[in-house]
Amino acid sequence: MAYDKALIAGKLRRWELYIKNFRLPEWDEIPEIGLYMEQVLSLLKQYLDYLPPELKEEQFITASTINNYVRTKVMPEPIKKRYYRTHIAYLIVILTLKQNLSIAMIKQLLPTGLSQEELRTTYTNYVHRHRITADYFVEQIRMIAGPILGHPDREDISTDTAKSLIVTSAMIGGLTRLLSEKLILLDGKTVDECDISLKNDI
């Protein structure tokens, strides 16, 4: 693997700027007029347009995928083949989480059958959490890639090679996915139902 350090630094700076400016749509910005499938696909592509240019030709969401989400009750059914704000909000959350969580796990986190007001609150909180997490992520990448970006300060986790940055990023992704899955599996359980050794940690 051979990487041009200047190219990597330039791409990191550009992506950092993009992530800092990227926003999921607020609840009231999502259309409530009832869209057909092709319109929904086009809208989602606009909302979630953070794929690298090299991957943009690949469809990250298809009509059959959405139909499968409906069939497996991960999201509510469309109304007379039209998708409203509720459906689109579900899809935004599903699509931003599915990179790291299985659909079964997402279904546990985001149950269907929420009232409009409950979903509005859930979605609004999700958008806020997405924003502050993205900001935190940018700061962490700055710290890890400090030497690549020309920052004088170094941390133990800092690296000056693209290969090491890739490996570190993959490790962080794997560990955070594992943590998310472990926490989801604790839903509805008590310490008495879990490993007895946990009681000593309370």
Protein backbone atom coordinates (compact mmCIF):
# COMPACT_ATOMS: atom_id res chain seq x y z
CA MET A 1 0.00 0.00 0.00
CA ALA A 2 1.50 3.30 -1.10
CA TYR A 3 -0.16 6.57 -0.13
CA ASP A 4 0.79 10.14 -0.96
CA LYS A 5 0.90 11.92 2.41
CA ALA A 6 -0.01 15.30 0.91
CA LEU A 7 -3.00 13.75 -0.86
CA ILE A 8 -4.20 12.07 2.34
CA ALA A 9 -3.80 15.33 4.31
CA GLY A 10 -5.74 17.25 1.65
CA LYS A 11 -8.56 14.69 1.59
CA LEU A 12 -8.75 14.65 5.40
CA ARG A 13 -9.03 18.45 5.53
CA ARG A 14 -11.69 18.46 2.83
CA TRP A 15 -13.69 15.70 4.51
CA GLU A 16 -13.38 17.43 7.89
CA LEU A 17 -14.88 20.59 6.39
CA TYR A 18 -17.66 18.59 4.77
CA ILE A 19 -18.52 16.71 7.99
CA LYS A 20 -18.50 19.94 10.01
CA ASN A 21 -20.99 21.49 7.57
CA PHE A 22 -23.11 18.37 7.02
CA ARG A 23 -26.53 18.40 8.67
CA LEU A 24 -29.31 15.87 8.74
CA PRO A 25 -32.62 17.59 7.93
CA GLU A 26 -34.66 18.88 10.85
CA TRP A 27 -38.10 17.34 11.35
CA ASP A 28 -39.94 20.32 9.83
CA GLU A 29 -37.63 20.28 6.78
CA ILE A 30 -38.78 16.80 5.78
CA PRO A 31 -41.68 16.98 3.28
CA GLU A 32 -45.13 15.93 4.48
CA ILE A 33 -46.79 15.94 1.07
CA GLY A 34 -46.64 12.21 0.32
CA LEU A 35 -43.89 11.12 -2.06
CA TYR A 36 -43.70 8.17 -4.41
CA MET A 37 -40.80 5.73 -4.18
CA GLU A 38 -38.60 7.34 -6.86
CA GLN A 39 -39.02 10.74 -5.18
CA VAL A 40 -38.08 9.22 -1.81
CA LEU A 41 -34.94 7.64 -3.27
CA SER A 42 -33.92 10.97 -4.81
CA LEU A 43 -34.60 12.86 -1.56
CA LEU A 44 -32.61 10.39 0.56
CA LYS A 45 -29.69 10.67 -1.83
CA GLN A 46 -29.72 14.46 -1.28
CA TYR A 47 -30.04 14.15 2.51
CA LEU A 48 -27.33 11.52 2.93
CA ASP A 49 -24.88 12.65 0.30
CA TYR A 50 -21.65 12.03 2.23
CA LEU A 51 -20.28 9.09 0.27
CA PRO A 52 -16.89 9.56 -1.39
CA PRO A 53 -17.24 10.47 -5.10
CA GLU A 54 -15.74 7.09 -6.03
CA LEU A 55 -18.68 5.30 -4.37
CA LYS A 56 -21.52 7.57 -5.46
CA GLU A 57 -22.31 5.44 -8.50
CA GLU A 58 -23.32 2.62 -6.17
CA GLN A 59 -26.92 2.78 -4.97
CA PHE A 60 -26.88 2.98 -1.19
CA ILE A 61 -30.67 2.55 -1.04
CA THR A 62 -33.06 0.88 -3.46
CA ALA A 63 -36.81 0.47 -3.72
CA SER A 64 -36.49 -3.23 -2.88
CA THR A 65 -34.51 -2.39 0.27
CA ILE A 66 -37.22 0.01 1.45
CA ASN A 67 -39.92 -2.56 0.62
CA ASN A 68 -37.98 -5.09 2.69
CA TYR A 69 -37.84 -2.66 5.66
CA VAL A 70 -41.62 -2.31 5.43
CA ARG A 71 -42.19 -6.06 5.03
CA THR A 72 -40.05 -6.86 8.09
CA LYS A 73 -41.72 -4.04 10.06
CA VAL A 74 -38.55 -2.02 10.61
CA MET A 75 -40.59 1.00 9.50
CA PRO A 76 -44.29 1.76 8.95
CA GLU A 77 -46.07 0.92 5.71
CA PRO A 78 -46.56 3.66 3.12
CA ILE A 79 -50.06 5.10 2.79
CA LYS A 80 -51.44 4.30 -0.66
CA LYS A 81 -47.87 3.92 -1.98
CA ARG A 82 -46.91 7.37 -0.68
CA TYR A 83 -44.24 8.11 1.90
CA TYR A 84 -44.66 10.95 4.37
CA ARG A 85 -42.45 12.69 6.92
CA THR A 86 -42.76 9.76 9.34
CA HIS A 87 -41.50 7.25 6.76
CA ILE A 88 -38.63 9.46 5.64
CA ALA A 89 -37.54 10.12 9.24
CA TYR A 90 -37.42 6.35 9.85
CA LEU A 91 -35.39 5.87 6.68
CA ILE A 92 -32.88 8.59 7.61
CA VAL A 93 -32.25 6.99 10.99
CA ILE A 94 -32.09 3.47 9.55
CA LEU A 95 -29.69 4.44 6.77
CA THR A 96 -27.33 6.36 9.04
CA LEU A 97 -27.21 3.53 11.58
CA LYS A 98 -27.06 0.53 9.23
CA GLN A 99 -23.40 1.09 8.46
CA ASN A 100 -22.63 -0.12 11.99
CA LEU A 101 -25.68 -1.99 13.25
CA SER A 102 -27.71 -4.87 11.89
CA ILE A 103 -31.30 -4.15 10.88
CA ALA A 104 -32.50 -6.37 13.76
CA MET A 105 -30.59 -4.19 16.23
CA ILE A 106 -31.90 -0.98 14.65
CA LYS A 107 -35.43 -2.38 14.97
CA GLN A 108 -34.88 -2.72 18.72
CA LEU A 109 -33.64 0.86 18.98
CA LEU A 110 -36.38 2.37 16.82
CA PRO A 111 -39.68 0.59 17.34
CA THR A 112 -42.56 1.16 14.94
CA GLY A 113 -45.91 2.24 16.32
CA LEU A 114 -44.63 5.50 17.80
CA SER A 115 -47.07 8.40 17.76
CA GLN A 116 -46.22 11.34 15.50
CA GLU A 117 -45.12 13.37 18.52
CA GLU A 118 -43.00 10.53 19.94
CA LEU A 119 -41.30 10.05 16.59
CA ARG A 120 -40.75 13.80 16.23
CA THR A 121 -39.02 13.89 19.64
CA THR A 122 -36.99 10.75 18.88
CA TYR A 123 -35.93 12.06 15.48
CA THR A 124 -35.07 15.55 16.79
CA ASN A 125 -32.90 14.02 19.53
CA TYR A 126 -31.26 11.76 16.94
CA VAL A 127 -30.38 14.70 14.67
CA HIS A 128 -28.85 16.57 17.62
CA ARG A 129 -26.87 13.49 18.70
CA HIS A 130 -25.66 12.97 15.12
CA ARG A 131 -24.37 16.55 14.98
CA ILE A 132 -22.41 16.46 18.24
CA THR A 133 -21.08 12.98 17.46
CA ALA A 134 -19.84 14.18 14.06
CA ASP A 135 -18.07 17.12 15.74
CA TYR A 136 -16.49 14.77 18.28
CA PHE A 137 -15.43 12.41 15.50
CA VAL A 138 -13.70 15.24 13.62
CA GLU A 139 -11.75 16.17 16.77
CA GLN A 140 -10.68 12.54 17.26
CA ILE A 141 -9.49 12.24 13.66
CA ARG A 142 -7.54 15.49 14.07
CA MET A 143 -5.82 13.98 17.08
CA ILE A 144 -5.08 10.62 15.44
CA ALA A 145 -3.96 12.11 12.12
CA GLY A 146 -2.18 15.10 13.69
CA PRO A 147 1.26 14.27 12.21
CA ILE A 148 -0.26 13.71 8.75
CA LEU A 149 -2.03 17.07 9.00
CA GLY A 150 1.14 18.80 10.18
CA HIS A 151 0.06 19.43 13.78
CA PRO A 152 3.06 19.61 16.13
CA ASP A 153 1.34 18.03 19.15
CA ARG A 154 1.30 14.24 19.32
CA GLU A 155 -0.78 11.83 21.38
CA ASP A 156 -0.08 8.15 21.99
CA ILE A 157 -2.66 7.28 19.34
CA SER A 158 -1.29 9.73 16.75
CA THR A 159 0.12 8.31 13.53
CA ASP A 160 2.03 9.69 10.59
CA THR A 161 1.12 6.98 8.06
CA ALA A 162 -2.10 6.47 6.12
CA LYS A 163 -1.95 2.70 6.64
CA SER A 164 -1.84 3.09 10.42
CA LEU A 165 -4.69 5.63 10.26
CA ILE A 166 -6.79 3.14 8.28
CA VAL A 167 -6.09 0.33 10.76
CA THR A 168 -6.80 2.59 13.77
CA SER A 169 -10.06 3.82 12.21
CA ALA A 170 -11.15 0.24 11.51
CA MET A 171 -10.33 -0.77 15.10
CA ILE A 172 -12.32 2.15 16.52
CA GLY A 173 -15.23 1.27 14.22
CA GLY A 174 -15.15 -2.37 15.31
CA LEU A 175 -14.96 -1.58 19.01
CA THR A 176 -17.77 0.98 18.88
CA ARG A 177 -19.97 -1.44 16.94
CA LEU A 178 -19.29 -4.14 19.52
CA LEU A 179 -20.15 -1.76 22.37
CA SER A 180 -23.39 -0.70 20.66
CA GLU A 181 -24.45 -4.32 20.12
CA LYS A 182 -23.63 -5.34 23.69
CA LEU A 183 -25.65 -2.43 25.09
CA ILE A 184 -28.64 -3.14 22.85
CA LEU A 185 -28.68 -6.75 24.05
CA LEU A 186 -29.06 -5.52 27.65
CA ASP A 187 -32.46 -3.95 26.85
CA GLY A 188 -35.02 -5.13 29.40
CA LYS A 189 -32.52 -7.15 31.44
CA THR A 190 -31.57 -6.65 35.08
CA VAL A 191 -28.28 -7.26 36.85
CA ASP A 192 -29.83 -10.37 38.47
CA GLU A 193 -30.35 -11.90 35.01
CA CYS A 194 -26.79 -11.18 33.91
CA ASP A 195 -23.43 -12.57 34.94
CA ILE A 196 -23.13 -12.62 38.74
CA SER A 197 -19.71 -10.97 38.52
CA LEU A 198 -21.40 -7.76 37.33
CA LYS A 199 -22.89 -7.22 40.78
CA ASN A 200 -19.45 -6.52 42.17
CA ASP A 201 -19.00 -3.65 39.69
CA ILE A 202 -22.06 -1.71 40.87
